[in-house]
Amino acid sequence: MLEVLAGLRSPTSGLVHGDGSTVALVPQRHARSWMPLTVSEVLRMARFRPTVVPRRLGAHDHAAVDGAAGRLGVRALLDRPLDQLSFGQRQRVLVAQALAREADVLLLDEPITGLDLLSQERILAVIEEERHDGRTVVLTTHHLDEARHCDEVVVLDGRLVAVGPPDDILVPAVLREAYGERVLGDHAHHAHAHDLVLVDDHGHGHDVR
């Protein structure tokens, strides 16, 4: 879905109409972990456009790269090879690269899944800052507590299950339809994501936090 929004893949049906906004995509962390580049080189790549003749980076380019590195806490890693970083460090670098692009729309594919606590907190803080500054942020997640902080939620299960504000969508009836499991909450019909536990057919509980 994010690749379709980024213009990298055609939809299987229907049409996607763009408004000319620039887009920065952060794929799942394993997608670019092999790159034999330093962190500094990865970040500077964000300032080049594929359709533009290569040029020298100017003061604004360097400021964008430095600012993004600072926000994600990776300045100390600039001379390190990307493939020698931890998962959390690598993901922070890739998010910093997207920020350095200064795009209108930020697309994030499960940005904090499996990361250390520090990296999770850094990335979530940046997402909130971007949202507060009026930038469009689209992310995919299996963590319902993350989705609870979004303005709009789309629930997919091979099809569109529901779309709307999280308070209307992250409720037992919708989650049962999407997950096919029993949903437990303090208030069966009014519980929200942070109150819920999913229980599978074997009786195993899964906190949705």
N, C-alpha and C. Protein backbone atom coordinates (compact mmCIF):
# COMPACT_ATOMS: atom_id res chain seq x y z
N MET A 1 0.82 -1.20 0.00
CA MET A 1 0.00 0.00 0.00
C MET A 1 0.86 1.26 0.00
N LEU A 2 1.90 1.28 0.85
CA LEU A 2 2.76 2.46 0.90
C LEU A 2 3.52 2.65 -0.40
N GLU A 3 3.90 1.56 -1.05
CA GLU A 3 4.60 1.68 -2.33
C GLU A 3 3.67 2.27 -3.40
N VAL A 4 2.40 1.95 -3.33
CA VAL A 4 1.43 2.55 -4.25
C VAL A 4 1.32 4.05 -3.99
N LEU A 5 1.23 4.43 -2.72
CA LEU A 5 1.15 5.85 -2.37
C LEU A 5 2.42 6.59 -2.78
N ALA A 6 3.56 5.90 -2.74
CA ALA A 6 4.83 6.52 -3.11
C ALA A 6 5.05 6.56 -4.62
N GLY A 7 4.15 5.93 -5.37
CA GLY A 7 4.29 5.90 -6.82
C GLY A 7 5.27 4.86 -7.32
N LEU A 8 5.63 3.90 -6.46
CA LEU A 8 6.58 2.86 -6.85
C LEU A 8 5.91 1.62 -7.40
N ARG A 9 4.61 1.50 -7.20
CA ARG A 9 3.87 0.33 -7.64
C ARG A 9 2.47 0.76 -8.07
N SER A 10 1.95 0.10 -9.10
CA SER A 10 0.60 0.41 -9.57
C SER A 10 -0.42 -0.34 -8.73
N PRO A 11 -1.57 0.26 -8.45
CA PRO A 11 -2.61 -0.44 -7.70
C PRO A 11 -3.18 -1.60 -8.51
N THR A 12 -3.63 -2.66 -7.84
CA THR A 12 -4.21 -3.80 -8.54
C THR A 12 -5.57 -3.46 -9.12
N SER A 13 -6.21 -2.44 -8.56
CA SER A 13 -7.47 -1.95 -9.11
C SER A 13 -7.65 -0.50 -8.68
N GLY A 14 -8.46 0.23 -9.43
CA GLY A 14 -8.70 1.62 -9.09
C GLY A 14 -7.55 2.52 -9.51
N LEU A 15 -7.62 3.76 -9.10
CA LEU A 15 -6.63 4.76 -9.47
C LEU A 15 -6.16 5.53 -8.24
N VAL A 16 -4.93 6.00 -8.28
CA VAL A 16 -4.39 6.87 -7.24
C VAL A 16 -4.03 8.19 -7.89
N HIS A 17 -4.62 9.27 -7.42
CA HIS A 17 -4.37 10.59 -7.98
C HIS A 17 -3.47 11.38 -7.04
N GLY A 18 -2.33 11.84 -7.53
CA GLY A 18 -1.42 12.66 -6.73
C GLY A 18 -1.67 14.13 -6.95
N ASP A 19 -1.24 14.94 -5.98
CA ASP A 19 -1.43 16.38 -6.10
C ASP A 19 -0.10 17.11 -6.28
N GLY A 20 0.94 16.35 -6.61
CA GLY A 20 2.25 16.96 -6.80
C GLY A 20 3.10 17.02 -5.55
N SER A 21 2.58 16.52 -4.43
CA SER A 21 3.35 16.52 -3.18
C SER A 21 4.55 15.58 -3.29
N THR A 22 5.65 15.96 -2.67
CA THR A 22 6.82 15.09 -2.61
C THR A 22 6.64 14.07 -1.49
N VAL A 23 7.21 12.88 -1.69
CA VAL A 23 6.99 11.77 -0.77
C VAL A 23 8.33 11.16 -0.36
N ALA A 24 8.45 10.81 0.93
CA ALA A 24 9.61 10.08 1.44
C ALA A 24 9.11 8.79 2.07
N LEU A 25 9.64 7.66 1.63
CA LEU A 25 9.21 6.34 2.11
C LEU A 25 10.31 5.70 2.94
N VAL A 26 9.94 5.21 4.13
CA VAL A 26 10.85 4.42 4.96
C VAL A 26 10.32 2.99 4.97
N PRO A 27 10.96 2.08 4.21
CA PRO A 27 10.48 0.69 4.18
C PRO A 27 10.84 -0.02 5.47
N GLN A 28 10.40 -1.27 5.60
CA GLN A 28 10.80 -2.04 6.77
C GLN A 28 12.31 -2.16 6.79
N ARG A 29 12.88 -2.22 8.00
CA ARG A 29 14.31 -2.00 8.19
C ARG A 29 15.20 -2.95 7.40
N HIS A 30 14.74 -4.19 7.13
CA HIS A 30 15.61 -5.14 6.44
C HIS A 30 15.80 -4.79 4.98
N ALA A 31 14.95 -3.92 4.43
CA ALA A 31 14.97 -3.67 2.99
C ALA A 31 16.27 -3.02 2.52
N ARG A 32 16.91 -2.19 3.37
CA ARG A 32 18.12 -1.51 2.91
C ARG A 32 19.30 -1.73 3.87
N SER A 33 19.25 -2.79 4.65
CA SER A 33 20.30 -3.03 5.64
C SER A 33 21.63 -3.42 5.01
N TRP A 34 21.62 -3.80 3.75
CA TRP A 34 22.83 -4.29 3.09
C TRP A 34 23.69 -3.17 2.52
N MET A 35 23.20 -1.95 2.47
CA MET A 35 23.91 -0.89 1.76
C MET A 35 25.31 -0.67 2.33
N PRO A 36 26.38 -0.78 1.50
CA PRO A 36 27.76 -0.59 1.98
C PRO A 36 28.13 0.89 2.04
N LEU A 37 27.38 1.65 2.80
CA LEU A 37 27.58 3.09 2.90
C LEU A 37 27.68 3.50 4.35
N THR A 38 28.33 4.63 4.60
CA THR A 38 28.34 5.17 5.96
C THR A 38 27.02 5.89 6.22
N VAL A 39 26.76 6.14 7.48
CA VAL A 39 25.54 6.86 7.86
C VAL A 39 25.51 8.23 7.19
N SER A 40 26.64 8.92 7.18
CA SER A 40 26.71 10.24 6.55
C SER A 40 26.33 10.17 5.07
N GLU A 41 26.83 9.16 4.37
CA GLU A 41 26.51 9.00 2.95
C GLU A 41 25.03 8.70 2.74
N VAL A 42 24.47 7.87 3.61
CA VAL A 42 23.04 7.54 3.50
C VAL A 42 22.20 8.80 3.68
N LEU A 43 22.54 9.62 4.65
CA LEU A 43 21.76 10.83 4.90
C LEU A 43 21.91 11.83 3.76
N ARG A 44 23.11 11.96 3.23
CA ARG A 44 23.32 12.92 2.14
C ARG A 44 22.61 12.49 0.85
N MET A 45 22.38 11.19 0.69
CA MET A 45 21.64 10.71 -0.47
C MET A 45 20.25 11.33 -0.55
N ALA A 46 19.70 11.68 0.60
CA ALA A 46 18.35 12.24 0.63
C ALA A 46 18.25 13.58 -0.10
N ARG A 47 19.37 14.25 -0.26
CA ARG A 47 19.34 15.59 -0.86
C ARG A 47 19.46 15.56 -2.39
N PHE A 48 19.59 14.37 -2.96
CA PHE A 48 19.67 14.25 -4.42
C PHE A 48 18.35 13.71 -4.95
N ARG A 49 17.96 14.17 -6.13
CA ARG A 49 16.74 13.70 -6.78
C ARG A 49 17.14 12.85 -7.98
N PRO A 50 16.45 11.72 -8.22
CA PRO A 50 16.83 10.81 -9.30
C PRO A 50 16.82 11.46 -10.68
N THR A 51 15.94 12.43 -10.88
CA THR A 51 15.79 13.04 -12.21
C THR A 51 16.62 14.30 -12.38
N VAL A 52 17.43 14.63 -11.38
CA VAL A 52 18.21 15.87 -11.42
C VAL A 52 19.69 15.54 -11.56
N VAL A 53 20.39 16.33 -12.38
CA VAL A 53 21.83 16.14 -12.55
C VAL A 53 22.53 16.33 -11.20
N PRO A 54 23.46 15.41 -10.82
CA PRO A 54 24.16 15.54 -9.54
C PRO A 54 24.80 16.92 -9.37
N ARG A 55 24.79 17.41 -8.15
CA ARG A 55 25.31 18.74 -7.86
C ARG A 55 26.01 18.72 -6.52
N ARG A 56 26.70 19.79 -6.24
CA ARG A 56 27.31 19.93 -4.91
C ARG A 56 26.22 20.25 -3.89
N LEU A 57 26.38 19.70 -2.70
CA LEU A 57 25.43 20.03 -1.64
C LEU A 57 25.74 21.43 -1.12
N GLY A 58 24.68 22.20 -0.92
CA GLY A 58 24.85 23.55 -0.41
C GLY A 58 24.60 23.64 1.08
N ALA A 59 24.59 24.84 1.60
CA ALA A 59 24.42 25.06 3.04
C ALA A 59 23.08 24.53 3.53
N HIS A 60 22.03 24.75 2.74
CA HIS A 60 20.71 24.26 3.16
C HIS A 60 20.68 22.74 3.20
N ASP A 61 21.33 22.09 2.24
CA ASP A 61 21.39 20.63 2.23
C ASP A 61 22.07 20.10 3.49
N HIS A 62 23.22 20.69 3.81
CA HIS A 62 23.96 20.24 5.00
C HIS A 62 23.16 20.50 6.28
N ALA A 63 22.43 21.60 6.31
CA ALA A 63 21.61 21.91 7.49
C ALA A 63 20.48 20.91 7.63
N ALA A 64 19.87 20.52 6.51
CA ALA A 64 18.78 19.54 6.55
C ALA A 64 19.28 18.19 7.05
N VAL A 65 20.45 17.78 6.58
CA VAL A 65 21.04 16.51 7.00
C VAL A 65 21.41 16.55 8.49
N ASP A 66 22.05 17.63 8.91
CA ASP A 66 22.46 17.75 10.31
C ASP A 66 21.26 17.81 11.24
N GLY A 67 20.23 18.54 10.83
CA GLY A 67 19.03 18.64 11.65
C GLY A 67 18.34 17.30 11.81
N ALA A 68 18.24 16.54 10.72
CA ALA A 68 17.60 15.23 10.79
C ALA A 68 18.42 14.27 11.66
N ALA A 69 19.75 14.32 11.52
CA ALA A 69 20.61 13.46 12.33
C ALA A 69 20.46 13.78 13.81
N GLY A 70 20.36 15.06 14.14
CA GLY A 70 20.19 15.46 15.53
C GLY A 70 18.86 15.01 16.10
N ARG A 71 17.80 15.14 15.33
CA ARG A 71 16.47 14.76 15.83
C ARG A 71 16.37 13.27 16.10
N LEU A 72 17.07 12.46 15.34
CA LEU A 72 17.02 11.01 15.54
C LEU A 72 18.18 10.49 16.37
N GLY A 73 19.05 11.39 16.85
CA GLY A 73 20.14 10.98 17.73
C GLY A 73 21.19 10.12 17.06
N VAL A 74 21.54 10.43 15.79
CA VAL A 74 22.52 9.59 15.09
C VAL A 74 23.77 10.38 14.67
N ARG A 75 23.96 11.58 15.20
CA ARG A 75 25.16 12.35 14.84
C ARG A 75 26.44 11.60 15.18
N ALA A 76 26.44 10.89 16.29
CA ALA A 76 27.64 10.16 16.70
C ALA A 76 27.93 8.96 15.81
N LEU A 77 27.00 8.63 14.93
CA LEU A 77 27.14 7.44 14.08
C LEU A 77 27.52 7.79 12.65
N LEU A 78 27.75 9.06 12.34
CA LEU A 78 27.90 9.50 10.96
C LEU A 78 29.00 8.77 10.19
N ASP A 79 30.08 8.39 10.86
CA ASP A 79 31.19 7.73 10.17
C ASP A 79 31.09 6.20 10.20
N ARG A 80 30.03 5.68 10.81
CA ARG A 80 29.86 4.23 10.92
C ARG A 80 29.20 3.66 9.67
N PRO A 81 29.59 2.47 9.22
CA PRO A 81 28.90 1.81 8.10
C PRO A 81 27.49 1.42 8.53
N LEU A 82 26.53 1.63 7.65
CA LEU A 82 25.14 1.32 7.98
C LEU A 82 24.96 -0.14 8.35
N ASP A 83 25.65 -1.05 7.65
CA ASP A 83 25.43 -2.47 7.88
C ASP A 83 26.07 -2.98 9.17
N GLN A 84 26.75 -2.10 9.91
CA GLN A 84 27.33 -2.50 11.20
C GLN A 84 26.54 -1.96 12.39
N LEU A 85 25.42 -1.31 12.11
CA LEU A 85 24.60 -0.75 13.18
C LEU A 85 23.60 -1.77 13.70
N SER A 86 23.08 -1.52 14.89
CA SER A 86 21.99 -2.34 15.42
C SER A 86 20.72 -2.05 14.64
N PHE A 87 19.71 -2.89 14.79
CA PHE A 87 18.43 -2.68 14.10
C PHE A 87 17.86 -1.30 14.45
N GLY A 88 17.89 -0.97 15.74
CA GLY A 88 17.32 0.30 16.17
C GLY A 88 18.07 1.49 15.61
N GLN A 89 19.40 1.44 15.64
CA GLN A 89 20.21 2.53 15.09
C GLN A 89 19.95 2.68 13.59
N ARG A 90 19.90 1.56 12.89
CA ARG A 90 19.69 1.58 11.44
C ARG A 90 18.34 2.20 11.09
N GLN A 91 17.32 1.82 11.85
CA GLN A 91 16.00 2.38 11.56
C GLN A 91 15.96 3.87 11.83
N ARG A 92 16.65 4.32 12.88
CA ARG A 92 16.70 5.76 13.14
C ARG A 92 17.41 6.50 12.01
N VAL A 93 18.44 5.88 11.44
CA VAL A 93 19.15 6.49 10.30
C VAL A 93 18.21 6.62 9.10
N LEU A 94 17.44 5.57 8.82
CA LEU A 94 16.55 5.60 7.66
C LEU A 94 15.42 6.61 7.84
N VAL A 95 14.93 6.76 9.07
CA VAL A 95 13.92 7.79 9.33
C VAL A 95 14.56 9.17 9.18
N ALA A 96 15.80 9.32 9.67
CA ALA A 96 16.50 10.60 9.51
C ALA A 96 16.70 10.93 8.04
N GLN A 97 17.01 9.92 7.24
CA GLN A 97 17.17 10.14 5.80
C GLN A 97 15.87 10.68 5.19
N ALA A 98 14.75 10.10 5.60
CA ALA A 98 13.46 10.57 5.09
C ALA A 98 13.19 12.01 5.50
N LEU A 99 13.54 12.36 6.74
CA LEU A 99 13.35 13.74 7.20
C LEU A 99 14.24 14.70 6.43
N ALA A 100 15.48 14.27 6.15
CA ALA A 100 16.41 15.13 5.42
C ALA A 100 15.93 15.43 4.01
N ARG A 101 15.06 14.61 3.49
CA ARG A 101 14.51 14.83 2.16
C ARG A 101 13.55 16.02 2.15
N GLU A 102 13.01 16.37 3.33
CA GLU A 102 12.07 17.48 3.48
C GLU A 102 10.87 17.33 2.54
N ALA A 103 10.33 16.13 2.51
CA ALA A 103 9.18 15.83 1.65
C ALA A 103 7.89 16.32 2.31
N ASP A 104 6.85 16.43 1.49
CA ASP A 104 5.54 16.85 2.00
C ASP A 104 4.84 15.73 2.75
N VAL A 105 5.09 14.49 2.33
CA VAL A 105 4.41 13.32 2.90
C VAL A 105 5.46 12.32 3.36
N LEU A 106 5.29 11.81 4.58
CA LEU A 106 6.21 10.83 5.16
C LEU A 106 5.47 9.49 5.28
N LEU A 107 5.99 8.45 4.62
CA LEU A 107 5.40 7.12 4.64
C LEU A 107 6.31 6.18 5.43
N LEU A 108 5.78 5.52 6.45
CA LEU A 108 6.58 4.68 7.34
C LEU A 108 5.97 3.28 7.43
N ASP A 109 6.75 2.26 7.10
CA ASP A 109 6.27 0.89 7.14
C ASP A 109 6.69 0.23 8.45
N GLU A 110 5.76 0.10 9.38
CA GLU A 110 6.01 -0.48 10.71
C GLU A 110 7.30 0.08 11.30
N PRO A 111 7.34 1.38 11.56
CA PRO A 111 8.60 2.06 11.91
C PRO A 111 9.24 1.65 13.22
N ILE A 112 8.48 1.11 14.19
CA ILE A 112 9.12 0.80 15.48
C ILE A 112 9.02 -0.68 15.85
N THR A 113 8.54 -1.51 14.95
CA THR A 113 8.38 -2.93 15.26
C THR A 113 9.74 -3.58 15.56
N GLY A 114 9.85 -4.19 16.72
CA GLY A 114 11.05 -4.93 17.09
C GLY A 114 12.24 -4.10 17.49
N LEU A 115 12.04 -2.79 17.71
CA LEU A 115 13.17 -1.92 18.04
C LEU A 115 13.36 -1.79 19.55
N ASP A 116 14.56 -1.36 19.95
CA ASP A 116 14.83 -1.07 21.35
C ASP A 116 14.02 0.14 21.80
N LEU A 117 13.86 0.29 23.11
CA LEU A 117 13.00 1.33 23.65
C LEU A 117 13.45 2.73 23.24
N LEU A 118 14.76 3.00 23.28
CA LEU A 118 15.26 4.32 22.91
C LEU A 118 14.88 4.67 21.47
N SER A 119 15.08 3.72 20.56
CA SER A 119 14.75 3.98 19.16
C SER A 119 13.25 4.17 18.97
N GLN A 120 12.45 3.38 19.66
CA GLN A 120 10.99 3.56 19.59
C GLN A 120 10.60 4.97 20.02
N GLU A 121 11.13 5.40 21.16
CA GLU A 121 10.76 6.72 21.69
C GLU A 121 11.20 7.84 20.76
N ARG A 122 12.40 7.73 20.20
CA ARG A 122 12.90 8.76 19.28
C ARG A 122 12.00 8.87 18.05
N ILE A 123 11.70 7.73 17.46
CA ILE A 123 10.92 7.73 16.22
C ILE A 123 9.50 8.20 16.47
N LEU A 124 8.87 7.74 17.55
CA LEU A 124 7.51 8.18 17.86
C LEU A 124 7.46 9.67 18.15
N ALA A 125 8.50 10.20 18.81
CA ALA A 125 8.55 11.64 19.09
C ALA A 125 8.64 12.43 17.80
N VAL A 126 9.44 11.95 16.85
CA VAL A 126 9.57 12.64 15.56
C VAL A 126 8.26 12.59 14.79
N ILE A 127 7.59 11.44 14.81
CA ILE A 127 6.29 11.34 14.13
C ILE A 127 5.32 12.36 14.70
N GLU A 128 5.28 12.48 16.02
CA GLU A 128 4.37 13.44 16.65
C GLU A 128 4.76 14.87 16.28
N GLU A 129 6.06 15.17 16.23
CA GLU A 129 6.51 16.51 15.85
C GLU A 129 6.11 16.84 14.41
N GLU A 130 6.29 15.88 13.51
CA GLU A 130 5.92 16.10 12.11
C GLU A 130 4.42 16.32 11.98
N ARG A 131 3.66 15.53 12.70
CA ARG A 131 2.20 15.69 12.70
C ARG A 131 1.82 17.07 13.23
N HIS A 132 2.45 17.50 14.31
CA HIS A 132 2.15 18.79 14.91
C HIS A 132 2.50 19.93 13.96
N ASP A 133 3.54 19.73 13.14
CA ASP A 133 3.97 20.76 12.19
C ASP A 133 3.13 20.77 10.92
N GLY A 134 2.16 19.88 10.83
CA GLY A 134 1.25 19.88 9.69
C GLY A 134 1.66 18.99 8.54
N ARG A 135 2.69 18.18 8.72
CA ARG A 135 3.10 17.28 7.65
C ARG A 135 2.20 16.04 7.65
N THR A 136 1.92 15.51 6.48
CA THR A 136 1.14 14.28 6.37
C THR A 136 2.03 13.09 6.67
N VAL A 137 1.63 12.27 7.64
CA VAL A 137 2.38 11.06 8.01
C VAL A 137 1.45 9.86 7.88
N VAL A 138 1.86 8.88 7.09
CA VAL A 138 1.10 7.64 6.94
C VAL A 138 1.99 6.51 7.41
N LEU A 139 1.49 5.70 8.35
CA LEU A 139 2.29 4.57 8.83
C LEU A 139 1.45 3.31 8.89
N THR A 140 2.13 2.18 8.71
CA THR A 140 1.48 0.89 8.92
C THR A 140 1.96 0.35 10.25
N THR A 141 1.09 -0.36 10.95
CA THR A 141 1.45 -0.90 12.25
C THR A 141 0.53 -2.05 12.62
N HIS A 142 1.04 -2.98 13.40
CA HIS A 142 0.22 -4.02 14.01
C HIS A 142 -0.04 -3.70 15.48
N HIS A 143 0.49 -2.58 15.95
CA HIS A 143 0.32 -2.18 17.35
C HIS A 143 -0.86 -1.21 17.45
N LEU A 144 -1.93 -1.66 18.06
CA LEU A 144 -3.13 -0.83 18.12
C LEU A 144 -2.93 0.41 18.98
N ASP A 145 -2.02 0.34 19.95
CA ASP A 145 -1.80 1.51 20.79
C ASP A 145 -1.12 2.63 19.99
N GLU A 146 -0.31 2.27 18.99
CA GLU A 146 0.25 3.28 18.09
C GLU A 146 -0.87 3.91 17.26
N ALA A 147 -1.73 3.06 16.73
CA ALA A 147 -2.81 3.55 15.87
C ALA A 147 -3.73 4.49 16.63
N ARG A 148 -3.84 4.30 17.94
CA ARG A 148 -4.73 5.13 18.76
C ARG A 148 -4.31 6.60 18.74
N HIS A 149 -3.04 6.88 18.42
CA HIS A 149 -2.55 8.26 18.41
C HIS A 149 -2.71 8.94 17.05
N CYS A 150 -3.21 8.19 16.06
CA CYS A 150 -3.37 8.75 14.72
C CYS A 150 -4.69 9.53 14.62
N ASP A 151 -4.75 10.42 13.65
CA ASP A 151 -5.99 11.17 13.41
C ASP A 151 -7.03 10.30 12.71
N GLU A 152 -6.57 9.41 11.84
CA GLU A 152 -7.46 8.56 11.06
C GLU A 152 -6.85 7.16 11.00
N VAL A 153 -7.69 6.14 11.11
CA VAL A 153 -7.23 4.76 11.11
C VAL A 153 -7.92 3.99 9.98
N VAL A 154 -7.13 3.21 9.26
CA VAL A 154 -7.67 2.32 8.23
C VAL A 154 -7.33 0.89 8.66
N VAL A 155 -8.34 0.05 8.85
CA VAL A 155 -8.13 -1.34 9.25
C VAL A 155 -8.25 -2.21 8.00
N LEU A 156 -7.19 -2.97 7.71
CA LEU A 156 -7.16 -3.83 6.53
C LEU A 156 -6.98 -5.29 6.93
N ASP A 157 -7.64 -6.16 6.20
CA ASP A 157 -7.47 -7.60 6.39
C ASP A 157 -7.65 -8.27 5.02
N GLY A 158 -6.77 -7.89 4.09
CA GLY A 158 -6.93 -8.33 2.71
C GLY A 158 -8.03 -7.56 2.00
N ARG A 159 -8.66 -6.70 2.73
CA ARG A 159 -9.74 -5.85 2.23
C ARG A 159 -9.90 -4.70 3.22
N LEU A 160 -10.68 -3.72 2.84
CA LEU A 160 -10.95 -2.61 3.75
C LEU A 160 -12.01 -3.03 4.76
N VAL A 161 -11.63 -3.09 6.04
CA VAL A 161 -12.56 -3.46 7.10
C VAL A 161 -13.28 -2.23 7.65
N ALA A 162 -12.51 -1.17 7.93
CA ALA A 162 -13.11 0.04 8.50
C ALA A 162 -12.15 1.20 8.34
N VAL A 163 -12.70 2.41 8.35
CA VAL A 163 -11.88 3.62 8.29
C VAL A 163 -12.58 4.71 9.07
N GLY A 164 -11.80 5.50 9.82
CA GLY A 164 -12.38 6.58 10.60
C GLY A 164 -11.48 6.96 11.76
N PRO A 165 -11.95 7.83 12.65
CA PRO A 165 -11.18 8.22 13.83
C PRO A 165 -10.93 7.01 14.74
N PRO A 166 -9.79 6.95 15.43
CA PRO A 166 -9.48 5.78 16.25
C PRO A 166 -10.52 5.47 17.32
N ASP A 167 -11.13 6.49 17.91
CA ASP A 167 -12.14 6.23 18.94
C ASP A 167 -13.35 5.48 18.39
N ASP A 168 -13.60 5.63 17.09
CA ASP A 168 -14.73 4.94 16.46
C ASP A 168 -14.33 3.59 15.89
N ILE A 169 -13.06 3.43 15.56
CA ILE A 169 -12.61 2.25 14.83
C ILE A 169 -11.96 1.20 15.72
N LEU A 170 -11.18 1.62 16.71
CA LEU A 170 -10.47 0.67 17.57
C LEU A 170 -11.37 0.21 18.71
N VAL A 171 -12.42 -0.48 18.34
CA VAL A 171 -13.42 -0.98 19.28
C VAL A 171 -13.60 -2.48 19.04
N PRO A 172 -14.10 -3.22 20.03
CA PRO A 172 -14.19 -4.68 19.92
C PRO A 172 -14.86 -5.20 18.67
N ALA A 173 -15.98 -4.59 18.25
CA ALA A 173 -16.71 -5.11 17.09
C ALA A 173 -15.85 -5.09 15.83
N VAL A 174 -15.14 -4.00 15.61
CA VAL A 174 -14.28 -3.88 14.42
C VAL A 174 -13.08 -4.81 14.54
N LEU A 175 -12.47 -4.86 15.73
CA LEU A 175 -11.28 -5.69 15.92
C LEU A 175 -11.60 -7.18 15.79
N ARG A 176 -12.80 -7.57 16.24
CA ARG A 176 -13.20 -8.97 16.07
C ARG A 176 -13.31 -9.32 14.60
N GLU A 177 -13.88 -8.40 13.82
CA GLU A 177 -14.03 -8.65 12.38
C GLU A 177 -12.67 -8.76 11.70
N ALA A 178 -11.71 -7.93 12.14
CA ALA A 178 -10.39 -7.92 11.51
C ALA A 178 -9.51 -9.07 11.98
N TYR A 179 -9.54 -9.37 13.28
CA TYR A 179 -8.61 -10.35 13.84
C TYR A 179 -9.20 -11.75 13.96
N GLY A 180 -10.53 -11.86 13.93
CA GLY A 180 -11.13 -13.16 14.05
C GLY A 180 -10.90 -13.79 15.41
N GLU A 181 -10.75 -12.97 16.44
CA GLU A 181 -10.50 -13.45 17.80
C GLU A 181 -11.47 -12.79 18.76
N ARG A 182 -11.57 -13.36 19.93
CA ARG A 182 -12.37 -12.71 20.96
C ARG A 182 -11.61 -11.52 21.53
N VAL A 183 -12.31 -10.47 21.85
CA VAL A 183 -11.70 -9.26 22.38
C VAL A 183 -12.24 -9.00 23.77
N LEU A 184 -11.34 -8.87 24.73
CA LEU A 184 -11.74 -8.61 26.11
C LEU A 184 -11.42 -7.18 26.48
N GLY A 185 -12.32 -6.53 27.22
CA GLY A 185 -12.07 -5.17 27.69
C GLY A 185 -12.89 -4.92 28.94
N ASP A 186 -12.54 -3.85 29.67
CA ASP A 186 -13.27 -3.53 30.88
C ASP A 186 -14.73 -3.19 30.59
N HIS A 187 -14.96 -2.61 29.41
CA HIS A 187 -16.32 -2.25 29.02
C HIS A 187 -16.52 -2.80 27.62
N ALA A 188 -17.22 -3.89 27.50
CA ALA A 188 -17.24 -4.69 26.28
C ALA A 188 -17.48 -3.90 25.01
N HIS A 189 -18.36 -2.91 25.06
CA HIS A 189 -18.72 -2.22 23.82
C HIS A 189 -18.06 -0.86 23.70
N HIS A 190 -17.37 -0.40 24.73
CA HIS A 190 -16.81 0.95 24.70
C HIS A 190 -15.31 0.98 24.96
N ALA A 191 -14.70 -0.17 25.18
CA ALA A 191 -13.26 -0.19 25.46
C ALA A 191 -12.48 0.28 24.25
N HIS A 192 -11.33 0.91 24.52
CA HIS A 192 -10.46 1.36 23.44
C HIS A 192 -9.21 0.51 23.41
N ALA A 193 -8.30 0.83 22.48
CA ALA A 193 -7.15 -0.04 22.24
C ALA A 193 -6.35 -0.32 23.50
N HIS A 194 -6.14 0.69 24.35
CA HIS A 194 -5.27 0.49 25.50
C HIS A 194 -5.95 -0.32 26.59
N ASP A 195 -7.27 -0.62 26.45
CA ASP A 195 -7.99 -1.41 27.45
C ASP A 195 -8.18 -2.86 27.03
N LEU A 196 -7.76 -3.23 25.83
CA LEU A 196 -8.17 -4.48 25.22
C LEU A 196 -7.10 -5.55 25.23
N VAL A 197 -7.56 -6.80 25.26
CA VAL A 197 -6.72 -7.97 25.08
C VAL A 197 -7.38 -8.84 24.02
N LEU A 198 -6.58 -9.33 23.05
CA LEU A 198 -7.08 -10.26 22.06
C LEU A 198 -6.82 -11.67 22.56
N VAL A 199 -7.80 -12.55 22.47
CA VAL A 199 -7.67 -13.93 22.91
C VAL A 199 -7.90 -14.85 21.72
N ASP A 200 -6.91 -15.70 21.40
CA ASP A 200 -7.04 -16.57 20.24
C ASP A 200 -7.84 -17.82 20.57
N ASP A 201 -7.98 -18.71 19.59
CA ASP A 201 -8.81 -19.90 19.76
C ASP A 201 -8.25 -20.89 20.77
N HIS A 202 -6.98 -20.71 21.14
CA HIS A 202 -6.36 -21.60 22.13
C HIS A 202 -6.40 -21.01 23.53
N GLY A 203 -7.04 -19.86 23.69
CA GLY A 203 -7.16 -19.24 24.99
C GLY A 203 -5.97 -18.40 25.39
N HIS A 204 -5.06 -18.14 24.46
CA HIS A 204 -3.89 -17.32 24.76
C HIS A 204 -4.22 -15.85 24.58
N GLY A 205 -3.85 -15.04 25.58
CA GLY A 205 -4.14 -13.61 25.53
C GLY A 205 -2.99 -12.83 24.93
N HIS A 206 -3.34 -11.74 24.22
CA HIS A 206 -2.34 -10.86 23.61
C HIS A 206 -2.71 -9.43 23.92
N ASP A 207 -1.93 -8.78 24.79
CA ASP A 207 -2.15 -7.36 25.08
C ASP A 207 -1.93 -6.57 23.81
N VAL A 208 -2.83 -5.63 23.50
CA VAL A 208 -2.71 -4.88 22.26
C VAL A 208 -1.79 -3.69 22.38
N ARG A 209 -1.20 -3.44 23.52
CA ARG A 209 -0.29 -2.30 23.65
C ARG A 209 0.86 -2.42 22.65
